[in-house]
Amino acid sequence: MSLMDQLTDVVVGQMAGQAAQKTGLSEGLAQQMMPMAMAALMAGLKKNASQPDGAQALANALERHDGSLLNNVSALANDDVLADGQRILSHILGGKQDQTTRALAKTAGIDQGQVAQILAMAAPAVLASLGRAKREQGLDASALAGLVTEESVRVQNSAPAALDGLMGFLDQDGDGDFKDDLLEQAGKKLLGGLFGRK
């Protein structure tokens, strides 16, 4: 089982109820959104880590994320951890944060604020998982970049096909733009398939 598969099992299994309480989503929808949030975050990390400076910056950041958070997953819903999650998002997604939040919200048919909270919960968990792997496997910046790329590709391949456009957007240079017509098209596919809505 891959690193992100393990993380998804832990986070979705233990956090869906709290995520639903925090966001106002149903527990089932919160369960569906968490893996999509992780896929978006991994795509952003993959782009950042593809540059030597980005890989080193990630390695340095993971010194503060040793994986201990995963021993108490319920802490992801704490206000201080959510605040840390917001800071992490700004580093991972940069100028693409608003576009990413809007894309996920539109494809899932939920509020941007709800998506922002899901992303803020997912971000510390993703870094905790990578931080634990870095510590346990003794990864340097280059090896860490390889792990992020491998995990990102695996996560994206298992993400709903309707998110392909968003994944491509996150892999582009610059802030770019993710068009509303693409969001609408993705949303119709996603809502018709993943969530079983008409």
C-alpha atoms as a PDB file:
ATOM      1  CA  MET A   1       0.000   0.000   0.000  1.00  0.00           C
ATOM      2  CA  SER A   2       1.368   3.414  -0.952  1.00  0.00           C
ATOM      3  CA  LEU A   3       2.092   6.218   1.487  1.00  0.00           C
ATOM      4  CA  MET A   4      -0.940   8.244   0.394  1.00  0.00           C
ATOM      5  CA  ASP A   5      -3.192   5.171   0.398  1.00  0.00           C
ATOM      6  CA  GLN A   6      -2.238   4.559   4.009  1.00  0.00           C
ATOM      7  CA  LEU A   7      -2.791   8.216   4.867  1.00  0.00           C
ATOM      8  CA  THR A   8      -6.169   8.269   3.140  1.00  0.00           C
ATOM      9  CA  ASP A   9      -7.304   5.194   5.047  1.00  0.00           C
ATOM     10  CA  VAL A  10      -6.273   6.744   8.359  1.00  0.00           C
ATOM     11  CA  VAL A  11      -7.564  10.264   7.739  1.00  0.00           C
ATOM     12  CA  VAL A  12     -10.818   9.354   6.001  1.00  0.00           C
ATOM     13  CA  GLY A  13     -11.535   6.587   8.481  1.00  0.00           C
ATOM     14  CA  GLN A  14     -10.923   8.717  11.558  1.00  0.00           C
ATOM     15  CA  MET A  15     -11.673  12.258  10.405  1.00  0.00           C
ATOM     16  CA  ALA A  16     -14.837  12.119   8.311  1.00  0.00           C
ATOM     17  CA  GLY A  17     -17.132  12.817  11.242  1.00  0.00           C
ATOM     18  CA  GLN A  18     -15.111  15.776  12.491  1.00  0.00           C
ATOM     19  CA  ALA A  19     -14.653  17.128   8.965  1.00  0.00           C
ATOM     20  CA  ALA A  20     -18.412  16.963   8.504  1.00  0.00           C
ATOM     21  CA  GLN A  21     -18.959  18.854  11.764  1.00  0.00           C
ATOM     22  CA  LYS A  22     -16.434  21.546  10.856  1.00  0.00           C
ATOM     23  CA  THR A  23     -17.665  22.062   7.306  1.00  0.00           C
ATOM     24  CA  GLY A  24     -21.368  21.296   7.512  1.00  0.00           C
ATOM     25  CA  LEU A  25     -20.998  18.643   4.813  1.00  0.00           C
ATOM     26  CA  SER A  26     -22.504  15.200   5.149  1.00  0.00           C
ATOM     27  CA  GLU A  27     -20.078  12.617   6.447  1.00  0.00           C
ATOM     28  CA  GLY A  28     -20.209  10.773   3.119  1.00  0.00           C
ATOM     29  CA  LEU A  29     -19.348  13.892   1.154  1.00  0.00           C
ATOM     30  CA  ALA A  30     -16.532  14.748   3.568  1.00  0.00           C
ATOM     31  CA  GLN A  31     -15.142  11.252   2.960  1.00  0.00           C
ATOM     32  CA  GLN A  32     -15.226  11.874  -0.798  1.00  0.00           C
ATOM     33  CA  MET A  33     -13.634  15.317  -0.590  1.00  0.00           C
ATOM     34  CA  MET A  34     -10.611  14.408   1.563  1.00  0.00           C
ATOM     35  CA  PRO A  35      -8.878  12.211  -1.072  1.00  0.00           C
ATOM     36  CA  MET A  36      -9.540  14.865  -3.725  1.00  0.00           C
ATOM     37  CA  ALA A  37      -7.966  17.499  -1.488  1.00  0.00           C
ATOM     38  CA  MET A  38      -4.941  15.258  -0.967  1.00  0.00           C
ATOM     39  CA  ALA A  39      -4.636  14.703  -4.724  1.00  0.00           C
ATOM     40  CA  ALA A  40      -4.590  18.465  -5.319  1.00  0.00           C
ATOM     41  CA  LEU A  41      -2.021  19.015  -2.582  1.00  0.00           C
ATOM     42  CA  MET A  42       0.238  16.274  -3.902  1.00  0.00           C
ATOM     43  CA  ALA A  43       0.035  17.778  -7.391  1.00  0.00           C
ATOM     44  CA  GLY A  44       1.153  21.111  -5.962  1.00  0.00           C
ATOM     45  CA  LEU A  45       3.966  19.478  -3.988  1.00  0.00           C
ATOM     46  CA  LYS A  46       5.101  17.548  -7.061  1.00  0.00           C
ATOM     47  CA  LYS A  47       5.382  20.782  -9.030  1.00  0.00           C
ATOM     48  CA  ASN A  48       7.295  22.506  -6.232  1.00  0.00           C
ATOM     49  CA  ALA A  49       9.636  19.572  -5.585  1.00  0.00           C
ATOM     50  CA  SER A  50      10.519  19.261  -9.274  1.00  0.00           C
ATOM     51  CA  GLN A  51      12.904  22.204  -8.769  1.00  0.00           C
ATOM     52  CA  PRO A  52      16.023  21.720  -6.598  1.00  0.00           C
ATOM     53  CA  ASP A  53      15.232  24.784  -4.482  1.00  0.00           C
ATOM     54  CA  GLY A  54      11.680  23.565  -4.008  1.00  0.00           C
ATOM     55  CA  ALA A  55      12.795  20.078  -3.009  1.00  0.00           C
ATOM     56  CA  GLN A  56      15.210  21.497  -0.437  1.00  0.00           C
ATOM     57  CA  ALA A  57      12.562  23.884   0.908  1.00  0.00           C
ATOM     58  CA  LEU A  58      10.194  20.940   1.355  1.00  0.00           C
ATOM     59  CA  ALA A  59      12.889  18.893   3.082  1.00  0.00           C
ATOM     60  CA  ASN A  60      13.515  21.809   5.453  1.00  0.00           C
ATOM     61  CA  ALA A  61       9.796  22.249   6.136  1.00  0.00           C
ATOM     62  CA  LEU A  62       9.430  18.572   6.987  1.00  0.00           C
ATOM     63  CA  GLU A  63      11.865  19.002   9.858  1.00  0.00           C
ATOM     64  CA  ARG A  64       8.872  20.612  11.598  1.00  0.00           C
ATOM     65  CA  HIS A  65       6.496  17.835  10.527  1.00  0.00           C
ATOM     66  CA  ASP A  66       7.873  14.573  11.895  1.00  0.00           C
ATOM     67  CA  GLY A  67       4.684  12.553  11.582  1.00  0.00           C
ATOM     68  CA  SER A  68       3.685  12.693  15.247  1.00  0.00           C
ATOM     69  CA  LEU A  69       0.418  14.393  14.237  1.00  0.00           C
ATOM     70  CA  LEU A  70      -0.692  11.075  12.746  1.00  0.00           C
ATOM     71  CA  ASN A  71      -0.685   9.581  16.224  1.00  0.00           C
ATOM     72  CA  ASN A  72      -3.568  11.912  17.055  1.00  0.00           C
ATOM     73  CA  VAL A  73      -5.465  12.441  13.804  1.00  0.00           C
ATOM     74  CA  SER A  74      -8.387  14.084  15.600  1.00  0.00           C
ATOM     75  CA  ALA A  75      -6.098  17.082  16.202  1.00  0.00           C
ATOM     76  CA  LEU A  76      -6.483  17.956  12.510  1.00  0.00           C
ATOM     77  CA  ALA A  77      -9.788  19.607  13.408  1.00  0.00           C
ATOM     78  CA  ASN A  78      -8.201  21.837  16.090  1.00  0.00           C
ATOM     79  CA  ASP A  79      -8.170  25.538  15.286  1.00  0.00           C
ATOM     80  CA  ASP A  80      -4.383  25.862  15.688  1.00  0.00           C
ATOM     81  CA  VAL A  81      -3.762  22.952  13.316  1.00  0.00           C
ATOM     82  CA  LEU A  82      -6.231  24.400  10.806  1.00  0.00           C
ATOM     83  CA  ALA A  83      -4.390  27.728  10.983  1.00  0.00           C
ATOM     84  CA  ASP A  84      -1.134  25.888  10.281  1.00  0.00           C
ATOM     85  CA  GLY A  85      -2.910  24.145   7.412  1.00  0.00           C
ATOM     86  CA  GLN A  86      -3.816  27.496   5.878  1.00  0.00           C
ATOM     87  CA  ARG A  87      -0.169  28.572   6.000  1.00  0.00           C
ATOM     88  CA  ILE A  88       0.911  25.284   4.421  1.00  0.00           C
ATOM     89  CA  LEU A  89      -1.625  25.756   1.618  1.00  0.00           C
ATOM     90  CA  SER A  90      -0.211  29.157   0.746  1.00  0.00           C
ATOM     91  CA  HIS A  91       3.249  27.594   0.378  1.00  0.00           C
ATOM     92  CA  ILE A  92       2.103  24.534  -1.599  1.00  0.00           C
ATOM     93  CA  LEU A  93      -0.422  26.155  -3.926  1.00  0.00           C
ATOM     94  CA  GLY A  94       0.797  29.760  -3.957  1.00  0.00           C
ATOM     95  CA  GLY A  95      -1.065  31.850  -6.512  1.00  0.00           C
ATOM     96  CA  LYS A  96      -3.127  28.829  -7.501  1.00  0.00           C
ATOM     97  CA  GLN A  97      -4.819  28.447  -4.109  1.00  0.00           C
ATOM     98  CA  ASP A  98      -7.981  30.387  -4.926  1.00  0.00           C
ATOM     99  CA  GLN A  99      -8.326  28.715  -8.315  1.00  0.00           C
ATOM    100  CA  THR A 100      -7.844  25.281  -6.781  1.00  0.00           C
ATOM    101  CA  THR A 101     -10.412  25.925  -4.068  1.00  0.00           C
ATOM    102  CA  ARG A 102     -12.878  27.243  -6.624  1.00  0.00           C
ATOM    103  CA  ALA A 103     -12.283  24.278  -8.928  1.00  0.00           C
ATOM    104  CA  LEU A 104     -12.881  21.700  -6.201  1.00  0.00           C
ATOM    105  CA  ALA A 105     -15.923  23.586  -4.938  1.00  0.00           C
ATOM    106  CA  LYS A 106     -17.467  23.847  -8.366  1.00  0.00           C
ATOM    107  CA  THR A 107     -16.813  20.252  -9.337  1.00  0.00           C
ATOM    108  CA  ALA A 108     -18.282  18.962  -6.068  1.00  0.00           C
ATOM    109  CA  GLY A 109     -21.118  21.479  -5.932  1.00  0.00           C
ATOM    110  CA  ILE A 110     -20.204  22.768  -2.472  1.00  0.00           C
ATOM    111  CA  ASP A 111     -19.118  26.080  -0.967  1.00  0.00           C
ATOM    112  CA  GLN A 112     -15.559  27.353  -1.395  1.00  0.00           C
ATOM    113  CA  GLY A 113     -15.297  27.890   2.352  1.00  0.00           C
ATOM    114  CA  GLN A 114     -16.083  24.221   2.925  1.00  0.00           C
ATOM    115  CA  VAL A 115     -13.377  23.181   0.465  1.00  0.00           C
ATOM    116  CA  ALA A 116     -10.890  25.557   2.110  1.00  0.00           C
ATOM    117  CA  GLN A 117     -11.501  23.857   5.460  1.00  0.00           C
ATOM    118  CA  ILE A 118     -11.068  20.388   3.955  1.00  0.00           C
ATOM    119  CA  LEU A 119      -7.797  21.484   2.329  1.00  0.00           C
ATOM    120  CA  ALA A 120      -6.603  23.017   5.614  1.00  0.00           C
ATOM    121  CA  MET A 121      -7.252  19.709   7.376  1.00  0.00           C
ATOM    122  CA  ALA A 122      -5.568  17.667   4.663  1.00  0.00           C
ATOM    123  CA  ALA A 123      -2.405  19.781   4.328  1.00  0.00           C
ATOM    124  CA  PRO A 124      -0.863  19.077   7.774  1.00  0.00           C
ATOM    125  CA  ALA A 125      -1.736  15.384   7.384  1.00  0.00           C
ATOM    126  CA  VAL A 126       0.041  15.180   4.020  1.00  0.00           C
ATOM    127  CA  LEU A 127       3.172  16.864   5.398  1.00  0.00           C
ATOM    128  CA  ALA A 128       3.075  14.677   8.511  1.00  0.00           C
ATOM    129  CA  SER A 129       2.996  11.571   6.337  1.00  0.00           C
ATOM    130  CA  LEU A 130       5.870  12.784   4.171  1.00  0.00           C
ATOM    131  CA  GLY A 131       7.783  13.907   7.258  1.00  0.00           C
ATOM    132  CA  ARG A 132       7.467  10.480   8.836  1.00  0.00           C
ATOM    133  CA  ALA A 133       8.667   8.810   5.626  1.00  0.00           C
ATOM    134  CA  LYS A 134      11.614  11.219   5.408  1.00  0.00           C
ATOM    135  CA  ARG A 135      12.632  10.491   8.986  1.00  0.00           C
ATOM    136  CA  GLU A 136      12.127   6.719   8.869  1.00  0.00           C
ATOM    137  CA  GLN A 137      13.763   6.249   5.460  1.00  0.00           C
ATOM    138  CA  GLY A 138      16.512   8.857   5.899  1.00  0.00           C
ATOM    139  CA  LEU A 139      15.547  10.700   2.701  1.00  0.00           C
ATOM    140  CA  ASP A 140      17.555  13.657   1.442  1.00  0.00           C
ATOM    141  CA  ALA A 141      15.968  16.401  -0.701  1.00  0.00           C
ATOM    142  CA  SER A 142      16.498  14.516  -3.970  1.00  0.00           C
ATOM    143  CA  ALA A 143      15.064  11.241  -2.673  1.00  0.00           C
ATOM    144  CA  LEU A 144      12.177  13.130  -1.112  1.00  0.00           C
ATOM    145  CA  ALA A 145      11.388  14.755  -4.466  1.00  0.00           C
ATOM    146  CA  GLY A 146      11.331  11.294  -6.034  1.00  0.00           C
ATOM    147  CA  LEU A 147       8.922  10.029  -3.376  1.00  0.00           C
ATOM    148  CA  VAL A 148       6.624  13.036  -3.832  1.00  0.00           C
ATOM    149  CA  THR A 149       6.568  12.538  -7.601  1.00  0.00           C
ATOM    150  CA  GLU A 150       5.842   8.827  -7.279  1.00  0.00           C
ATOM    151  CA  GLU A 151       3.078   9.347  -4.727  1.00  0.00           C
ATOM    152  CA  SER A 152       1.587  12.263  -6.651  1.00  0.00           C
ATOM    153  CA  VAL A 153       1.338  10.266  -9.866  1.00  0.00           C
ATOM    154  CA  ARG A 154      -0.255   7.363  -8.001  1.00  0.00           C
ATOM    155  CA  VAL A 155      -2.782   9.625  -6.252  1.00  0.00           C
ATOM    156  CA  GLN A 156      -3.664  11.456  -9.462  1.00  0.00           C
ATOM    157  CA  ASN A 157      -4.181   8.180 -11.308  1.00  0.00           C
ATOM    158  CA  SER A 158      -6.670   7.089  -8.668  1.00  0.00           C
ATOM    159  CA  ALA A 159      -8.456  10.469  -8.500  1.00  0.00           C
ATOM    160  CA  PRO A 160     -11.741  10.946 -10.384  1.00  0.00           C
ATOM    161  CA  ALA A 161     -11.176  11.544 -14.108  1.00  0.00           C
ATOM    162  CA  ALA A 162     -13.204  14.750 -13.767  1.00  0.00           C
ATOM    163  CA  LEU A 163     -10.239  16.263 -11.879  1.00  0.00           C
ATOM    164  CA  ASP A 164      -7.754  15.704 -14.711  1.00  0.00           C
ATOM    165  CA  GLY A 165      -8.052  19.338 -15.781  1.00  0.00           C
ATOM    166  CA  LEU A 166      -7.296  20.602 -12.289  1.00  0.00           C
ATOM    167  CA  MET A 167      -4.301  18.280 -11.961  1.00  0.00           C
ATOM    168  CA  GLY A 168      -2.933  19.577 -15.258  1.00  0.00           C
ATOM    169  CA  PHE A 169      -3.505  23.158 -14.146  1.00  0.00           C
ATOM    170  CA  LEU A 170      -1.541  22.582 -10.943  1.00  0.00           C
ATOM    171  CA  ASP A 171       1.349  21.154 -12.959  1.00  0.00           C
ATOM    172  CA  GLN A 172       1.666  24.269 -15.147  1.00  0.00           C
ATOM    173  CA  ASP A 173       4.244  26.995 -14.703  1.00  0.00           C
ATOM    174  CA  GLY A 174       2.948  30.297 -13.365  1.00  0.00           C
ATOM    175  CA  ASP A 175      -0.418  31.013 -11.809  1.00  0.00           C
ATOM    176  CA  GLY A 176      -2.369  30.344 -14.990  1.00  0.00           C
ATOM    177  CA  ASP A 177      -6.126  30.220 -15.144  1.00  0.00           C
ATOM    178  CA  PHE A 178      -8.636  27.437 -14.794  1.00  0.00           C
ATOM    179  CA  LYS A 179     -11.634  28.278 -16.949  1.00  0.00           C
ATOM    180  CA  ASP A 180     -15.195  28.151 -15.690  1.00  0.00           C
ATOM    181  CA  ASP A 181     -16.340  26.106 -18.668  1.00  0.00           C
ATOM    182  CA  LEU A 182     -13.857  23.398 -17.695  1.00  0.00           C
ATOM    183  CA  LEU A 183     -15.155  23.544 -14.148  1.00  0.00           C
ATOM    184  CA  GLU A 184     -18.727  23.181 -15.333  1.00  0.00           C
ATOM    185  CA  GLN A 185     -17.823  20.218 -17.515  1.00  0.00           C
ATOM    186  CA  ALA A 186     -15.865  18.562 -14.710  1.00  0.00           C
ATOM    187  CA  GLY A 187     -18.646  19.248 -12.266  1.00  0.00           C
ATOM    188  CA  LYS A 188     -21.280  17.561 -14.394  1.00  0.00           C
ATOM    189  CA  LYS A 189     -19.097  14.459 -14.760  1.00  0.00           C
ATOM    190  CA  LEU A 190     -18.173  14.389 -11.098  1.00  0.00           C
ATOM    191  CA  LEU A 191     -21.645  14.990  -9.732  1.00  0.00           C
ATOM    192  CA  GLY A 192     -23.095  12.432 -12.112  1.00  0.00           C
ATOM    193  CA  GLY A 193     -20.530   9.783 -11.193  1.00  0.00           C
ATOM    194  CA  LEU A 194     -18.714  10.197  -7.918  1.00  0.00           C
ATOM    195  CA  PHE A 195     -21.640  11.504  -5.883  1.00  0.00           C
ATOM    196  CA  GLY A 196     -24.416   9.781  -7.805  1.00  0.00           C
ATOM    197  CA  ARG A 197     -26.377  12.969  -8.444  1.00  0.00           C
ATOM    198  CA  LYS A 198     -28.335  13.864 -11.576  1.00  0.00           C
END
